Amino acid sequence: SPCIIFIDEIDAIGTKRFDSEVSGDREVQRTMLELLNQLDGFSSDDRIKVIAATNRADILDPALMRSGRLDRKIEFP
């Protein structure tokens, strides 16, 4: 059956990657990498739609917006 997964405030874990010595930052980056891995695991015929919301699209990692992941943008003024 169809499924919708909604992720609010995706910018909390989806920020651009950088080198960091702080363990908390590394954990956030590992979480984002796992999210990317899971997004790649969906096929187009799975009937699963992932929707994410943010008010900071400017800080999102470009890998999130690649084709087959979160590749469509809807903006509300």
PDB file of N, CA and C in Angstrom:
ATOM      1  N   SER A   1       0.836  -1.187   0.000  1.00  0.00           N
ATOM      2  CA  SER A   1       0.000   0.000   0.000  1.00  0.00           C
ATOM      3  C   SER A   1       0.878   1.246   0.000  1.00  0.00           C
ATOM      4  N   PRO A   2       0.334   2.375  -0.419  1.00  0.00           N
ATOM      5  CA  PRO A   2       1.150   3.589  -0.470  1.00  0.00           C
ATOM      6  C   PRO A   2       1.577   4.064   0.914  1.00  0.00           C
ATOM      7  N   CYS A   3       2.692   4.776   0.939  1.00  0.00           N
ATOM      8  CA  CYS A   3       3.241   5.268   2.204  1.00  0.00           C
ATOM      9  C   CYS A   3       3.844   6.650   1.986  1.00  0.00           C
ATOM     10  N   ILE A   4       3.616   7.559   2.940  1.00  0.00           N
ATOM     11  CA  ILE A   4       4.238   8.880   2.927  1.00  0.00           C
ATOM     12  C   ILE A   4       5.085   9.011   4.188  1.00  0.00           C
ATOM     13  N   ILE A   5       6.355   9.353   4.003  1.00  0.00           N
ATOM     14  CA  ILE A   5       7.262   9.595   5.125  1.00  0.00           C
ATOM     15  C   ILE A   5       7.538  11.092   5.156  1.00  0.00           C
ATOM     16  N   PHE A   6       7.230  11.742   6.277  1.00  0.00           N
ATOM     17  CA  PHE A   6       7.440  13.182   6.411  1.00  0.00           C
ATOM     18  C   PHE A   6       8.559  13.441   7.413  1.00  0.00           C
ATOM     19  N   ILE A   7       9.555  14.211   6.993  1.00  0.00           N
ATOM     20  CA  ILE A   7      10.674  14.582   7.858  1.00  0.00           C
ATOM     21  C   ILE A   7      10.632  16.098   8.035  1.00  0.00           C
ATOM     22  N   ASP A   8      10.320  16.547   9.236  1.00  0.00           N
ATOM     23  CA  ASP A   8      10.273  17.981   9.516  1.00  0.00           C
ATOM     24  C   ASP A   8      11.659  18.461   9.954  1.00  0.00           C
ATOM     25  N   GLU A   9      11.994  19.672   9.594  1.00  0.00           N
ATOM     26  CA  GLU A   9      13.285  20.281   9.955  1.00  0.00           C
ATOM     27  C   GLU A   9      14.465  19.410   9.513  1.00  0.00           C
ATOM     28  N   ILE A  10      14.462  19.023   8.245  1.00  0.00           N
ATOM     29  CA  ILE A  10      15.524  18.176   7.694  1.00  0.00           C
ATOM     30  C   ILE A  10      16.902  18.834   7.843  1.00  0.00           C
ATOM     31  N   ASP A  11      16.933  20.149   7.986  1.00  0.00           N
ATOM     32  CA  ASP A  11      18.217  20.844   8.133  1.00  0.00           C
ATOM     33  C   ASP A  11      18.934  20.473   9.428  1.00  0.00           C
ATOM     34  N   ALA A  12      18.229  19.889  10.388  1.00  0.00           N
ATOM     35  CA  ALA A  12      18.871  19.486  11.646  1.00  0.00           C
ATOM     36  C   ALA A  12      19.907  18.382  11.420  1.00  0.00           C
ATOM     37  N   ILE A  13      19.683  17.533  10.421  1.00  0.00           N
ATOM     38  CA  ILE A  13      20.659  16.475  10.126  1.00  0.00           C
ATOM     39  C   ILE A  13      21.182  16.543   8.702  1.00  0.00           C
ATOM     40  N   GLY A  14      20.598  17.381   7.854  1.00  0.00           N
ATOM     41  CA  GLY A  14      20.952  17.404   6.440  1.00  0.00           C
ATOM     42  C   GLY A  14      21.844  18.550   6.018  1.00  0.00           C
ATOM     43  N   THR A  15      22.648  19.081   6.941  1.00  0.00           N
ATOM     44  CA  THR A  15      23.529  20.193   6.577  1.00  0.00           C
ATOM     45  C   THR A  15      24.704  19.707   5.736  1.00  0.00           C
ATOM     46  N   LYS A  16      25.327  20.648   5.038  1.00  0.00           N
ATOM     47  CA  LYS A  16      26.485  20.320   4.211  1.00  0.00           C
ATOM     48  C   LYS A  16      27.566  19.679   5.071  1.00  0.00           C
ATOM     49  N   ARG A  17      28.203  18.656   4.518  1.00  0.00           N
ATOM     50  CA  ARG A  17      29.233  17.930   5.266  1.00  0.00           C
ATOM     51  C   ARG A  17      30.530  18.724   5.342  1.00  0.00           C
ATOM     52  N   PHE A  18      31.257  18.513   6.432  1.00  0.00           N
ATOM     53  CA  PHE A  18      32.539  19.181   6.654  1.00  0.00           C
ATOM     54  C   PHE A  18      33.358  18.319   7.600  1.00  0.00           C
ATOM     55  N   ASP A  19      34.665  18.559   7.617  1.00  0.00           N
ATOM     56  CA  ASP A  19      35.540  17.836   8.544  1.00  0.00           C
ATOM     57  C   ASP A  19      35.353  18.403   9.943  1.00  0.00           C
ATOM     58  N   SER A  20      35.141  17.520  10.913  1.00  0.00           N
ATOM     59  CA  SER A  20      34.920  17.981  12.281  1.00  0.00           C
ATOM     60  C   SER A  20      35.549  17.010  13.264  1.00  0.00           C
ATOM     61  N   GLU A  21      36.086  17.561  14.314  1.00  0.00           N
ATOM     62  CA  GLU A  21      36.652  16.754  15.395  1.00  0.00           C
ATOM     63  C   GLU A  21      35.663  16.584  16.540  1.00  0.00           C
ATOM     64  N   VAL A  22      34.547  17.279  16.490  1.00  0.00           N
ATOM     65  CA  VAL A  22      33.547  17.218  17.555  1.00  0.00           C
ATOM     66  C   VAL A  22      32.681  15.981  17.338  1.00  0.00           C
ATOM     67  N   SER A  23      32.559  15.145  18.366  1.00  0.00           N
ATOM     68  CA  SER A  23      31.844  13.877  18.207  1.00  0.00           C
ATOM     69  C   SER A  23      30.373  14.085  17.871  1.00  0.00           C
ATOM     70  N   GLY A  24      29.754  15.131  18.382  1.00  0.00           N
ATOM     71  CA  GLY A  24      28.348  15.389  18.070  1.00  0.00           C
ATOM     72  C   GLY A  24      28.139  15.696  16.602  1.00  0.00           C
ATOM     73  N   ASP A  25      29.061  16.470  16.016  1.00  0.00           N
ATOM     74  CA  ASP A  25      28.979  16.782  14.590  1.00  0.00           C
ATOM     75  C   ASP A  25      29.172  15.531  13.745  1.00  0.00           C
ATOM     76  N   ARG A  26      30.101  14.677  14.152  1.00  0.00           N
ATOM     77  CA  ARG A  26      30.333  13.431  13.407  1.00  0.00           C
ATOM     78  C   ARG A  26      29.100  12.541  13.455  1.00  0.00           C
ATOM     79  N   GLU A  27      28.412  12.510  14.589  1.00  0.00           N
ATOM     80  CA  GLU A  27      27.204  11.687  14.714  1.00  0.00           C
ATOM     81  C   GLU A  27      26.098  12.205  13.800  1.00  0.00           C
ATOM     82  N   VAL A  28      25.951  13.512  13.717  1.00  0.00           N
ATOM     83  CA  VAL A  28      24.956  14.099  12.813  1.00  0.00           C
ATOM     84  C   VAL A  28      25.295  13.739  11.374  1.00  0.00           C
ATOM     85  N   GLN A  29      26.574  13.802  11.018  1.00  0.00           N
ATOM     86  CA  GLN A  29      26.977  13.458   9.657  1.00  0.00           C
ATOM     87  C   GLN A  29      26.748  11.980   9.365  1.00  0.00           C
ATOM     88  N   ARG A  30      26.989  11.115  10.337  1.00  0.00           N
ATOM     89  CA  ARG A  30      26.714   9.678  10.144  1.00  0.00           C
ATOM     90  C   ARG A  30      25.221   9.438   9.955  1.00  0.00           C
ATOM     91  N   THR A  31      24.407  10.162  10.709  1.00  0.00           N
ATOM     92  CA  THR A  31      22.955  10.028  10.572  1.00  0.00           C
ATOM     93  C   THR A  31      22.513  10.462   9.180  1.00  0.00           C
ATOM     94  N   MET A  32      23.075  11.562   8.682  1.00  0.00           N
ATOM     95  CA  MET A  32      22.718  12.022   7.348  1.00  0.00           C
ATOM     96  C   MET A  32      23.160  11.036   6.276  1.00  0.00           C
ATOM     97  N   LEU A  33      24.339  10.459   6.425  1.00  0.00           N
ATOM     98  CA  LEU A  33      24.802   9.454   5.464  1.00  0.00           C
ATOM     99  C   LEU A  33      23.890   8.231   5.459  1.00  0.00           C
ATOM    100  N   GLU A  34      23.412   7.827   6.621  1.00  0.00           N
ATOM    101  CA  GLU A  34      22.481   6.695   6.680  1.00  0.00           C
ATOM    102  C   GLU A  34      21.147   7.066   6.033  1.00  0.00           C
ATOM    103  N   LEU A  35      20.690   8.291   6.225  1.00  0.00           N
ATOM    104  CA  LEU A  35      19.466   8.740   5.558  1.00  0.00           C
ATOM    105  C   LEU A  35      19.633   8.669   4.045  1.00  0.00           C
ATOM    106  N   LEU A  36      20.769   9.128   3.530  1.00  0.00           N
ATOM    107  CA  LEU A  36      21.036   9.040   2.092  1.00  0.00           C
ATOM    108  C   LEU A  36      21.026   7.592   1.624  1.00  0.00           C
ATOM    109  N   ASN A  37      21.619   6.715   2.405  1.00  0.00           N
ATOM    110  CA  ASN A  37      21.640   5.293   2.081  1.00  0.00           C
ATOM    111  C   ASN A  37      20.222   4.731   1.997  1.00  0.00           C
ATOM    112  N   GLN A  38      19.386   5.094   2.951  1.00  0.00           N
ATOM    113  CA  GLN A  38      18.005   4.605   2.960  1.00  0.00           C
ATOM    114  C   GLN A  38      17.205   5.184   1.796  1.00  0.00           C
ATOM    115  N   LEU A  39      17.412   6.460   1.482  1.00  0.00           N
ATOM    116  CA  LEU A  39      16.711   7.065   0.346  1.00  0.00           C
ATOM    117  C   LEU A  39      17.085   6.369  -0.955  1.00  0.00           C
ATOM    118  N   ASP A  40      18.335   5.960  -1.087  1.00  0.00           N
ATOM    119  CA  ASP A  40      18.771   5.251  -2.291  1.00  0.00           C
ATOM    120  C   ASP A  40      18.159   3.861  -2.388  1.00  0.00           C
ATOM    121  N   GLY A  41      17.673   3.325  -1.287  1.00  0.00           N
ATOM    122  CA  GLY A  41      17.111   1.976  -1.280  1.00  0.00           C
ATOM    123  C   GLY A  41      15.692   1.884  -1.800  1.00  0.00           C
ATOM    124  N   PHE A  42      15.012   3.022  -1.951  1.00  0.00           N
ATOM    125  CA  PHE A  42      13.646   3.008  -2.474  1.00  0.00           C
ATOM    126  C   PHE A  42      13.686   2.948  -3.992  1.00  0.00           C
ATOM    127  N   SER A  43      12.808   2.164  -4.574  1.00  0.00           N
ATOM    128  CA  SER A  43      12.671   2.191  -6.028  1.00  0.00           C
ATOM    129  C   SER A  43      11.398   2.950  -6.376  1.00  0.00           C
ATOM    130  N   SER A  44      11.304   3.401  -7.614  1.00  0.00           N
ATOM    131  CA  SER A  44      10.174   4.247  -8.006  1.00  0.00           C
ATOM    132  C   SER A  44       8.840   3.512  -7.964  1.00  0.00           C
ATOM    133  N   ASP A  45       8.861   2.203  -8.002  1.00  0.00           N
ATOM    134  CA  ASP A  45       7.597   1.458  -7.964  1.00  0.00           C
ATOM    135  C   ASP A  45       7.222   0.993  -6.555  1.00  0.00           C
ATOM    136  N   ASP A  46       7.950   1.438  -5.528  1.00  0.00           N
ATOM    137  CA  ASP A  46       7.630   1.066  -4.147  1.00  0.00           C
ATOM    138  C   ASP A  46       6.423   1.806  -3.589  1.00  0.00           C
ATOM    139  N   ARG A  47       5.969   2.867  -4.272  1.00  0.00           N
ATOM    140  CA  ARG A  47       4.832   3.673  -3.819  1.00  0.00           C
ATOM    141  C   ARG A  47       5.117   4.317  -2.465  1.00  0.00           C
ATOM    142  N   ILE A  48       6.364   4.679  -2.254  1.00  0.00           N
ATOM    143  CA  ILE A  48       6.781   5.373  -1.033  1.00  0.00           C
ATOM    144  C   ILE A  48       7.202   6.782  -1.425  1.00  0.00           C
ATOM    145  N   LYS A  49       6.602   7.763  -0.797  1.00  0.00           N
ATOM    146  CA  LYS A  49       6.940   9.162  -1.054  1.00  0.00           C
ATOM    147  C   LYS A  49       7.557   9.747   0.208  1.00  0.00           C
ATOM    148  N   VAL A  50       8.703  10.393   0.057  1.00  0.00           N
ATOM    149  CA  VAL A  50       9.380  11.032   1.182  1.00  0.00           C
ATOM    150  C   VAL A  50       9.267  12.539   0.995  1.00  0.00           C
ATOM    151  N   ILE A  51       8.741  13.213   2.010  1.00  0.00           N
ATOM    152  CA  ILE A  51       8.585  14.662   1.996  1.00  0.00           C
ATOM    153  C   ILE A  51       9.383  15.217   3.168  1.00  0.00           C
ATOM    154  N   ALA A  52      10.152  16.247   2.906  1.00  0.00           N
ATOM    155  CA  ALA A  52      10.939  16.878   3.970  1.00  0.00           C
ATOM    156  C   ALA A  52      10.670  18.377   3.965  1.00  0.00           C
ATOM    157  N   ALA A  53      10.684  18.963   5.142  1.00  0.00           N
ATOM    158  CA  ALA A  53      10.434  20.398   5.275  1.00  0.00           C
ATOM    159  C   ALA A  53      11.610  21.075   5.962  1.00  0.00           C
ATOM    160  N   THR A  54      11.880  22.291   5.525  1.00  0.00           N
ATOM    161  CA  THR A  54      12.928  23.097   6.145  1.00  0.00           C
ATOM    162  C   THR A  54      12.667  24.566   5.860  1.00  0.00           C
ATOM    163  N   ASN A  55      13.175  25.411   6.704  1.00  0.00           N
ATOM    164  CA  ASN A  55      13.174  26.839   6.404  1.00  0.00           C
ATOM    165  C   ASN A  55      14.597  27.316   6.128  1.00  0.00           C
ATOM    166  N   ARG A  56      15.532  26.368   5.974  1.00  0.00           N
ATOM    167  CA  ARG A  56      16.948  26.664   5.713  1.00  0.00           C
ATOM    168  C   ARG A  56      17.465  25.819   4.550  1.00  0.00           C
ATOM    169  N   ALA A  57      16.819  25.921   3.407  1.00  0.00           N
ATOM    170  CA  ALA A  57      17.240  25.138   2.240  1.00  0.00           C
ATOM    171  C   ALA A  57      18.660  25.485   1.799  1.00  0.00           C
ATOM    172  N   ASP A  58      19.135  26.667   2.145  1.00  0.00           N
ATOM    173  CA  ASP A  58      20.465  27.110   1.736  1.00  0.00           C
ATOM    174  C   ASP A  58      21.599  26.330   2.398  1.00  0.00           C
ATOM    175  N   ILE A  59      21.335  25.657   3.515  1.00  0.00           N
ATOM    176  CA  ILE A  59      22.411  24.927   4.204  1.00  0.00           C
ATOM    177  C   ILE A  59      22.338  23.414   3.986  1.00  0.00           C
ATOM    178  N   LEU A  60      21.387  22.946   3.169  1.00  0.00           N
ATOM    179  CA  LEU A  60      21.249  21.503   2.947  1.00  0.00           C
ATOM    180  C   LEU A  60      22.384  20.969   2.086  1.00  0.00           C
ATOM    181  N   ASP A  61      22.775  19.751   2.364  1.00  0.00           N
ATOM    182  CA  ASP A  61      23.800  19.083   1.568  1.00  0.00           C
ATOM    183  C   ASP A  61      23.230  18.813   0.171  1.00  0.00           C
ATOM    184  N   PRO A  62      23.961  19.146  -0.883  1.00  0.00           N
ATOM    185  CA  PRO A  62      23.470  18.909  -2.245  1.00  0.00           C
ATOM    186  C   PRO A  62      23.146  17.441  -2.526  1.00  0.00           C
ATOM    187  N   ALA A  63      23.748  16.530  -1.798  1.00  0.00           N
ATOM    188  CA  ALA A  63      23.478  15.105  -2.004  1.00  0.00           C
ATOM    189  C   ALA A  63      22.019  14.756  -1.709  1.00  0.00           C
ATOM    190  N   LEU A  64      21.383  15.511  -0.819  1.00  0.00           N
ATOM    191  CA  LEU A  64      19.974  15.257  -0.511  1.00  0.00           C
ATOM    192  C   LEU A  64      19.070  15.551  -1.700  1.00  0.00           C
ATOM    193  N   MET A  65      19.475  16.493  -2.544  1.00  0.00           N
ATOM    194  CA  MET A  65      18.627  16.953  -3.632  1.00  0.00           C
ATOM    195  C   MET A  65      18.898  16.238  -4.957  1.00  0.00           C
ATOM    196  N   ARG A  66      19.710  15.221  -4.943  1.00  0.00           N
ATOM    197  CA  ARG A  66      20.009  14.492  -6.178  1.00  0.00           C
ATOM    198  C   ARG A  66      18.794  13.711  -6.658  1.00  0.00           C
ATOM    199  N   SER A  67      18.788  13.409  -7.927  1.00  0.00           N
ATOM    200  CA  SER A  67      17.682  12.671  -8.530  1.00  0.00           C
ATOM    201  C   SER A  67      17.439  11.354  -7.800  1.00  0.00           C
ATOM    202  N   GLY A  68      16.176  11.083  -7.519  1.00  0.00           N
ATOM    203  CA  GLY A  68      15.806   9.859  -6.830  1.00  0.00           C
ATOM    204  C   GLY A  68      15.767   9.998  -5.323  1.00  0.00           C
ATOM    205  N   ARG A  69      16.212  11.117  -4.808  1.00  0.00           N
ATOM    206  CA  ARG A  69      16.171  11.359  -3.359  1.00  0.00           C
ATOM    207  C   ARG A  69      15.093  12.408  -3.115  1.00  0.00           C
ATOM    208  N   LEU A  70      15.464  13.550  -2.583  1.00  0.00           N
ATOM    209  CA  LEU A  70      14.516  14.655  -2.393  1.00  0.00           C
ATOM    210  C   LEU A  70      14.712  15.618  -3.560  1.00  0.00           C
ATOM    211  N   ASP A  71      14.253  15.218  -4.740  1.00  0.00           N
ATOM    212  CA  ASP A  71      14.620  15.921  -5.965  1.00  0.00           C
ATOM    213  C   ASP A  71      13.592  16.921  -6.479  1.00  0.00           C
ATOM    214  N   ARG A  72      12.557  17.201  -5.713  1.00  0.00           N
ATOM    215  CA  ARG A  72      11.577  18.212  -6.111  1.00  0.00           C
ATOM    216  C   ARG A  72      11.446  19.234  -4.997  1.00  0.00           C
ATOM    217  N   LYS A  73      11.271  20.478  -5.396  1.00  0.00           N
ATOM    218  CA  LYS A  73      11.187  21.550  -4.402  1.00  0.00           C
ATOM    219  C   LYS A  73       9.862  22.285  -4.563  1.00  0.00           C
ATOM    220  N   ILE A  74       9.164  22.462  -3.455  1.00  0.00           N
ATOM    221  CA  ILE A  74       7.934  23.252  -3.419  1.00  0.00           C
ATOM    222  C   ILE A  74       8.163  24.351  -2.395  1.00  0.00           C
ATOM    223  N   GLU A  75       8.033  25.590  -2.827  1.00  0.00           N
ATOM    224  CA  GLU A  75       8.262  26.716  -1.922  1.00  0.00           C
ATOM    225  C   GLU A  75       6.950  27.419  -1.622  1.00  0.00           C
ATOM    226  N   PHE A  76       6.785  27.800  -0.368  1.00  0.00           N
ATOM    227  CA  PHE A  76       5.633  28.580   0.065  1.00  0.00           C
ATOM    228  C   PHE A  76       6.128  29.948   0.513  1.00  0.00           C
ATOM    229  N   PRO A  77       5.530  31.020  -0.021  1.00  0.00           N
ATOM    230  CA  PRO A  77       5.971  32.367   0.383  1.00  0.00           C
ATOM    231  C   PRO A  77       5.573  32.695   1.809  1.00  0.00           C
TER     232      PRO A  77
END
